[in-house]
Amino acid sequence: MPKPKLKIAALACSYNRMAKTTSFLKSVSGQSISDSYTIKMYLLDDNSPDGTADYVETNFPEVTVIRGTGSLFWAGGMRTLWEEVIKKDDYDFFLLLNDDVILFDDALPRLLSAYSLAEKEGNILLGTVKDPDKDKVTYGGLKMKNSFTGFGVKQEPDATKLKPCELGNANIMLVDKFTVSKIGILSASYTHGLADFDYTLAATKNGLHVWIAPGYYGYCKNDHGVSWLSQKTPLKKRIDYLYSPKGLAYKEYMVYIRKNFPLMAPNAIIKLWLKTLFPFIYTLMKSGK
């Protein structure tokens, strides 16, 4: 009797950037994986005004599109999608992807091959991506240099071996079924950012393994930029940015800090308000002047 194929659910969210989403889906559909696996692509489109959902349904019929409310943001969208997908089938792997990533042609077969380097189940594998122009790491895994502050440093992947880390970006993140059975999916505490860092930290705290997979897996620009507004910005707008899910996400950031690095909570509060009330001082401190 033939061995059952391992099933992979690939998950991504989109919002109002049809060109990027299209390029991303083309890079996914171009992958050729082993006959030992099957892969199903799911896309949650969060009510994009540019018609992304309709376009994908017409031009990528192999992709299952789920429509969001328009207010889910990244973490909320991925969590909603993941919850829906778990109900649909019993998947062996969940592949979290960002729709601004362009996968290399051999990305998925190499990532699945890398999973076999792990000695046992209970693994999260991070695929490192780099800037297409600067040839430097943009997203992937970070090694925590200070367990008190939670400060992490981006890591270059090894050429052939899995590399352990504690923090990971979900631009390309392969999660096995055992991990989900142990820690669930992304936390409901987060609307947009931080959910992937929180998830990889939860994995390591529960005796699971977070790895940087060997080599590079695609291109992705760093779109985060400076995480605070200038002193010239009106104070009300700066305070709105402090609380915004796509800004400093004050309440959610404090949830993350109190959960994972509780002794840093007072410092975090000071830092966030300094960025907001006196950004010129924070800029000077960051620049070392």
Protein backbone atom coordinates (compact mmCIF):
# COMPACT_ATOMS: atom_id res chain seq x y z
CA MET A 1 0.00 0.00 0.00
CA PRO A 2 1.53 3.38 -1.01
CA LYS A 3 2.52 5.74 1.75
CA PRO A 4 0.04 8.67 2.14
CA LYS A 5 1.29 11.99 0.85
CA LEU A 6 2.09 14.67 3.42
CA LYS A 7 -0.28 17.61 3.08
CA ILE A 8 0.87 21.23 3.21
CA ALA A 9 -1.39 24.25 3.61
CA ALA A 10 0.26 27.44 2.35
CA LEU A 11 -1.23 30.56 3.95
CA ALA A 12 -0.94 34.22 2.99
CA CYS A 13 -2.89 37.46 3.33
CA SER A 14 -3.33 40.28 0.85
CA TYR A 15 -4.59 43.83 0.96
CA ASN A 16 -4.75 46.28 -1.93
CA ARG A 17 -1.47 45.53 -3.67
CA MET A 18 -2.56 43.40 -6.59
CA ALA A 19 0.73 43.59 -8.49
CA LYS A 20 2.77 42.31 -5.53
CA THR A 21 0.22 39.62 -4.70
CA THR A 22 0.20 38.48 -8.33
CA SER A 23 4.01 38.23 -8.49
CA PHE A 24 4.01 36.33 -5.22
CA LEU A 25 1.38 33.81 -6.38
CA LYS A 26 3.25 33.26 -9.64
CA SER A 27 6.38 32.42 -7.64
CA VAL A 28 4.39 29.93 -5.54
CA SER A 29 2.71 28.27 -8.51
CA GLY A 30 6.12 27.83 -10.15
CA GLN A 31 7.36 25.52 -7.39
CA SER A 32 7.89 21.84 -8.11
CA ILE A 33 7.77 19.69 -4.98
CA SER A 34 8.36 15.99 -4.41
CA ASP A 35 5.57 13.48 -5.07
CA SER A 36 5.68 12.78 -1.34
CA TYR A 37 3.78 16.05 -0.72
CA THR A 38 0.66 17.86 -1.81
CA ILE A 39 0.28 21.61 -1.34
CA LYS A 40 -2.83 23.77 -1.24
CA MET A 41 -2.61 27.56 -1.38
CA TYR A 42 -5.01 29.68 0.67
CA LEU A 43 -5.21 33.47 0.45
CA LEU A 44 -7.18 35.72 2.77
CA ASP A 45 -7.88 38.99 1.02
CA ASP A 46 -8.99 41.61 3.54
CA ASN A 47 -11.57 43.32 1.31
CA SER A 48 -9.04 45.00 -0.99
CA PRO A 49 -10.49 48.05 -2.80
CA ASP A 50 -8.42 47.20 -5.90
CA GLY A 51 -10.31 43.94 -6.52
CA THR A 52 -7.48 41.57 -5.59
CA ALA A 53 -9.83 38.80 -4.43
CA ASP A 54 -11.78 38.71 -7.71
CA TYR A 55 -8.59 38.87 -9.75
CA VAL A 56 -6.99 35.95 -7.89
CA GLU A 57 -10.14 33.81 -8.15
CA THR A 58 -10.19 34.39 -11.92
CA ASN A 59 -6.49 34.05 -12.69
CA PHE A 60 -5.35 31.59 -10.01
CA PRO A 61 -8.21 29.06 -9.76
CA GLU A 62 -5.98 26.70 -7.77
CA VAL A 63 -5.90 29.23 -4.92
CA THR A 64 -8.72 29.17 -2.36
CA VAL A 65 -9.63 32.77 -1.56
CA ILE A 66 -11.21 33.65 1.77
CA ARG A 67 -12.54 37.18 2.15
CA GLY A 68 -11.85 39.21 5.27
CA THR A 69 -13.78 42.00 6.94
CA GLY A 70 -11.44 44.78 5.90
CA SER A 71 -10.11 45.35 9.40
CA LEU A 72 -8.07 42.23 10.15
CA PHE A 73 -4.53 43.49 9.45
CA TRP A 74 -1.70 40.92 9.14
CA ALA A 75 -1.87 38.93 12.38
CA GLY A 76 -5.66 39.01 12.49
CA GLY A 77 -5.85 37.91 8.88
CA MET A 78 -3.35 35.08 9.23
CA ARG A 79 -5.02 33.85 12.41
CA THR A 80 -8.48 33.94 10.81
CA LEU A 81 -7.17 32.08 7.77
CA TRP A 82 -5.30 29.50 9.83
CA GLU A 83 -8.43 28.79 11.88
CA GLU A 84 -10.45 28.25 8.70
CA VAL A 85 -7.84 26.01 7.10
CA ILE A 86 -7.54 23.76 10.15
CA LYS A 87 -11.27 23.04 9.81
CA LYS A 88 -10.92 22.07 6.15
CA ASP A 89 -8.40 19.22 6.37
CA ASP A 90 -5.83 17.45 8.52
CA TYR A 91 -2.63 19.09 7.32
CA ASP A 92 0.88 17.89 8.19
CA PHE A 93 2.49 21.30 7.63
CA PHE A 94 1.44 24.93 7.56
CA LEU A 95 3.53 27.26 5.41
CA LEU A 96 3.11 30.90 6.39
CA LEU A 97 4.06 33.34 3.63
CA ASN A 98 3.98 37.11 3.04
CA ASP A 99 2.54 38.24 -0.26
CA ASP A 100 5.45 40.62 -0.89
CA VAL A 101 7.91 37.70 -1.10
CA ILE A 102 9.14 36.39 -4.44
CA LEU A 103 10.15 32.78 -3.88
CA PHE A 104 13.18 31.36 -5.63
CA ASP A 105 12.25 28.63 -8.11
CA ASP A 106 13.53 25.86 -5.84
CA ALA A 107 12.49 27.41 -2.51
CA LEU A 108 9.81 24.95 -1.40
CA PRO A 109 11.61 21.72 -2.33
CA ARG A 110 14.72 22.96 -0.50
CA LEU A 111 12.70 24.03 2.54
CA LEU A 112 10.99 20.65 2.78
CA SER A 113 14.32 18.91 2.32
CA ALA A 114 15.74 21.05 5.14
CA TYR A 115 12.96 19.86 7.46
CA SER A 116 14.37 16.34 7.18
CA LEU A 117 17.56 17.59 8.88
CA ALA A 118 15.63 18.00 12.15
CA GLU A 119 15.98 14.95 14.37
CA LYS A 120 12.37 14.83 15.55
CA GLU A 121 9.02 16.57 15.11
CA GLY A 122 8.12 19.84 16.75
CA ASN A 123 9.89 22.29 14.44
CA ILE A 124 9.47 25.72 12.92
CA LEU A 125 11.70 26.40 9.90
CA LEU A 126 12.38 29.96 8.77
CA GLY A 127 13.29 30.68 5.18
CA THR A 128 15.63 33.67 4.93
CA VAL A 129 14.85 36.33 2.33
CA LYS A 130 17.05 39.14 1.11
CA ASP A 131 16.81 42.52 -0.54
CA PRO A 132 16.97 42.09 -4.35
CA ASP A 133 19.14 45.19 -4.75
CA LYS A 134 21.40 45.20 -1.69
CA ASP A 135 21.90 41.42 -1.40
CA LYS A 136 21.46 41.51 2.38
CA VAL A 137 19.13 39.72 4.79
CA THR A 138 15.79 41.46 5.26
CA TYR A 139 13.71 38.82 7.09
CA GLY A 140 14.30 35.38 8.56
CA GLY A 141 15.57 34.28 11.95
CA LEU A 142 17.07 36.33 14.76
CA LYS A 143 19.35 35.13 17.53
CA MET A 144 18.41 36.62 20.88
CA LYS A 145 21.51 38.30 22.28
CA ASN A 146 19.94 39.39 25.55
CA SER A 147 17.22 37.33 27.24
CA PHE A 148 16.48 40.23 29.60
CA THR A 149 15.71 42.82 26.90
CA GLY A 150 14.70 40.44 24.10
CA PHE A 151 17.14 42.11 21.72
CA GLY A 152 17.73 39.97 18.66
CA VAL A 153 20.14 40.13 15.73
CA LYS A 154 19.36 39.02 12.19
CA GLN A 155 21.25 35.91 11.20
CA GLU A 156 22.80 34.85 7.94
CA PRO A 157 21.75 31.28 7.15
CA ASP A 158 24.30 28.48 7.10
CA ALA A 159 24.94 26.99 3.68
CA THR A 160 24.05 23.40 4.58
CA LYS A 161 22.90 23.13 8.22
CA LEU A 162 19.92 24.15 10.31
CA LYS A 163 20.77 27.09 12.55
CA PRO A 164 18.90 27.50 15.87
CA CYS A 165 17.30 30.81 16.82
CA GLU A 166 14.58 32.18 19.09
CA LEU A 167 12.88 34.91 17.04
CA GLY A 168 11.49 34.54 13.56
CA ASN A 169 9.68 36.48 10.84
CA ALA A 170 6.78 34.70 9.15
CA ASN A 171 7.70 35.88 5.64
CA ILE A 172 8.53 32.23 5.02
CA MET A 173 7.75 30.03 8.01
CA LEU A 174 7.14 26.26 7.89
CA VAL A 175 5.31 24.93 10.96
CA ASP A 176 4.76 21.23 11.51
CA LYS A 177 1.56 19.66 12.83
CA PHE A 178 3.13 18.68 16.16
CA THR A 179 4.00 22.32 16.89
CA VAL A 180 0.40 23.40 16.30
CA SER A 181 -0.89 20.60 18.54
CA LYS A 182 1.43 21.84 21.30
CA ILE A 183 1.11 25.66 21.15
CA GLY A 184 -1.76 26.32 18.77
CA ILE A 185 -1.62 29.09 16.16
CA LEU A 186 -0.81 32.81 16.29
CA SER A 187 -1.93 34.53 19.48
CA ALA A 188 -5.15 36.57 19.48
CA SER A 189 -3.28 39.25 21.48
CA TYR A 190 -1.90 40.80 18.29
CA THR A 191 -3.62 42.63 15.44
CA HIS A 192 -0.77 43.24 13.02
CA GLY A 193 2.86 42.79 14.06
CA LEU A 194 4.69 40.86 16.83
CA ALA A 195 2.60 37.70 16.42
CA ASP A 196 5.39 35.84 14.62
CA PHE A 197 8.03 36.76 17.22
CA ASP A 198 5.63 35.78 19.99
CA TYR A 199 4.92 32.46 18.25
CA THR A 200 8.56 31.46 17.88
CA LEU A 201 9.26 32.44 21.49
CA ALA A 202 6.30 30.32 22.62
CA ALA A 203 7.74 27.41 20.66
CA THR A 204 11.15 27.57 22.32
CA LYS A 205 9.59 28.00 25.78
CA ASN A 206 7.61 24.81 25.20
CA GLY A 207 10.60 22.71 24.22
CA LEU A 208 10.04 22.96 20.47
CA HIS A 209 12.69 23.97 17.95
CA VAL A 210 13.02 27.08 15.81
CA TRP A 211 15.51 26.81 12.97
CA ILE A 212 16.90 28.99 10.22
CA ALA A 213 16.84 26.78 7.14
CA PRO A 214 20.04 26.55 5.06
CA GLY A 215 20.52 29.08 2.29
CA TYR A 216 18.18 31.74 0.91
CA TYR A 217 14.61 31.25 -0.27
CA GLY A 218 13.49 34.44 -1.93
CA TYR A 219 13.53 38.20 -2.28
CA CYS A 220 11.67 40.67 -0.09
CA LYS A 221 12.22 44.37 0.51
CA ASN A 222 12.40 45.66 4.07
CA ASP A 223 9.26 47.78 4.28
CA HIS A 224 9.34 48.67 7.97
CA GLY A 225 11.39 51.86 7.79
CA VAL A 226 11.65 54.16 10.82
CA SER A 227 9.25 53.12 13.57
CA TRP A 228 8.42 56.61 14.88
CA LEU A 229 7.23 59.93 13.48
CA SER A 230 9.32 63.08 13.38
CA GLN A 231 9.00 66.02 15.77
CA LYS A 232 7.42 68.03 12.94
CA THR A 233 4.41 65.71 12.92
CA PRO A 234 1.47 67.11 14.96
CA LEU A 235 1.28 65.64 18.46
CA LYS A 236 -2.21 64.20 17.94
CA LYS A 237 -1.01 62.30 14.90
CA ARG A 238 2.00 61.00 16.85
CA ILE A 239 -0.27 59.78 19.65
CA ASP A 240 -2.58 58.13 17.12
CA TYR A 241 0.50 56.40 15.69
CA LEU A 242 1.50 55.27 19.18
CA TYR A 243 -1.73 53.28 19.51
CA SER A 244 -2.16 52.26 15.86
CA PRO A 245 -1.73 48.53 15.01
CA LYS A 246 0.50 49.57 12.09
CA GLY A 247 2.33 52.14 14.20
CA LEU A 248 3.89 51.50 17.59
CA ALA A 249 0.91 49.38 18.71
CA TYR A 250 1.41 50.50 22.31
CA LYS A 251 -1.03 48.15 24.06
CA GLU A 252 -0.05 45.09 22.05
CA TYR A 253 3.66 45.79 22.35
CA MET A 254 3.26 45.96 26.11
CA VAL A 255 1.40 42.62 26.07
CA TYR A 256 4.37 41.16 24.18
CA ILE A 257 6.92 42.64 26.59
CA ARG A 258 5.06 41.71 29.79
CA LYS A 259 4.56 38.17 28.52
CA ASN A 260 8.08 37.51 27.25
CA PHE A 261 10.39 40.06 28.93
CA PRO A 262 8.48 41.32 32.00
CA LEU A 263 11.42 43.08 33.66
CA MET A 264 11.69 45.33 30.61
CA ALA A 265 8.15 46.69 30.94
CA PRO A 266 9.08 50.03 32.62
CA ASN A 267 11.82 50.62 30.07
CA ALA A 268 9.45 49.82 27.20
CA ILE A 269 6.85 52.31 28.43
CA ILE A 270 9.48 55.08 28.64
CA LYS A 271 10.83 54.24 25.18
CA LEU A 272 7.41 54.30 23.49
CA TRP A 273 6.41 57.61 25.05
CA LEU A 274 9.82 59.12 24.29
CA LYS A 275 9.38 58.16 20.64
CA THR A 276 5.98 59.84 20.71
CA LEU A 277 6.47 63.00 22.78
CA PHE A 278 10.13 63.76 22.07
CA PRO A 279 11.09 61.91 18.87
CA PHE A 280 14.02 64.25 18.22
CA ILE A 281 15.62 63.10 21.49
CA TYR A 282 15.03 59.45 20.61
CA THR A 283 16.54 60.03 17.16
CA LEU A 284 19.64 61.57 18.72
CA MET A 285 19.96 58.68 21.17
CA LYS A 286 19.68 56.12 18.36
CA SER A 287 22.27 57.92 16.27
CA GLY A 288 24.67 58.17 19.21
CA LYS A 289 25.09 61.94 18.86
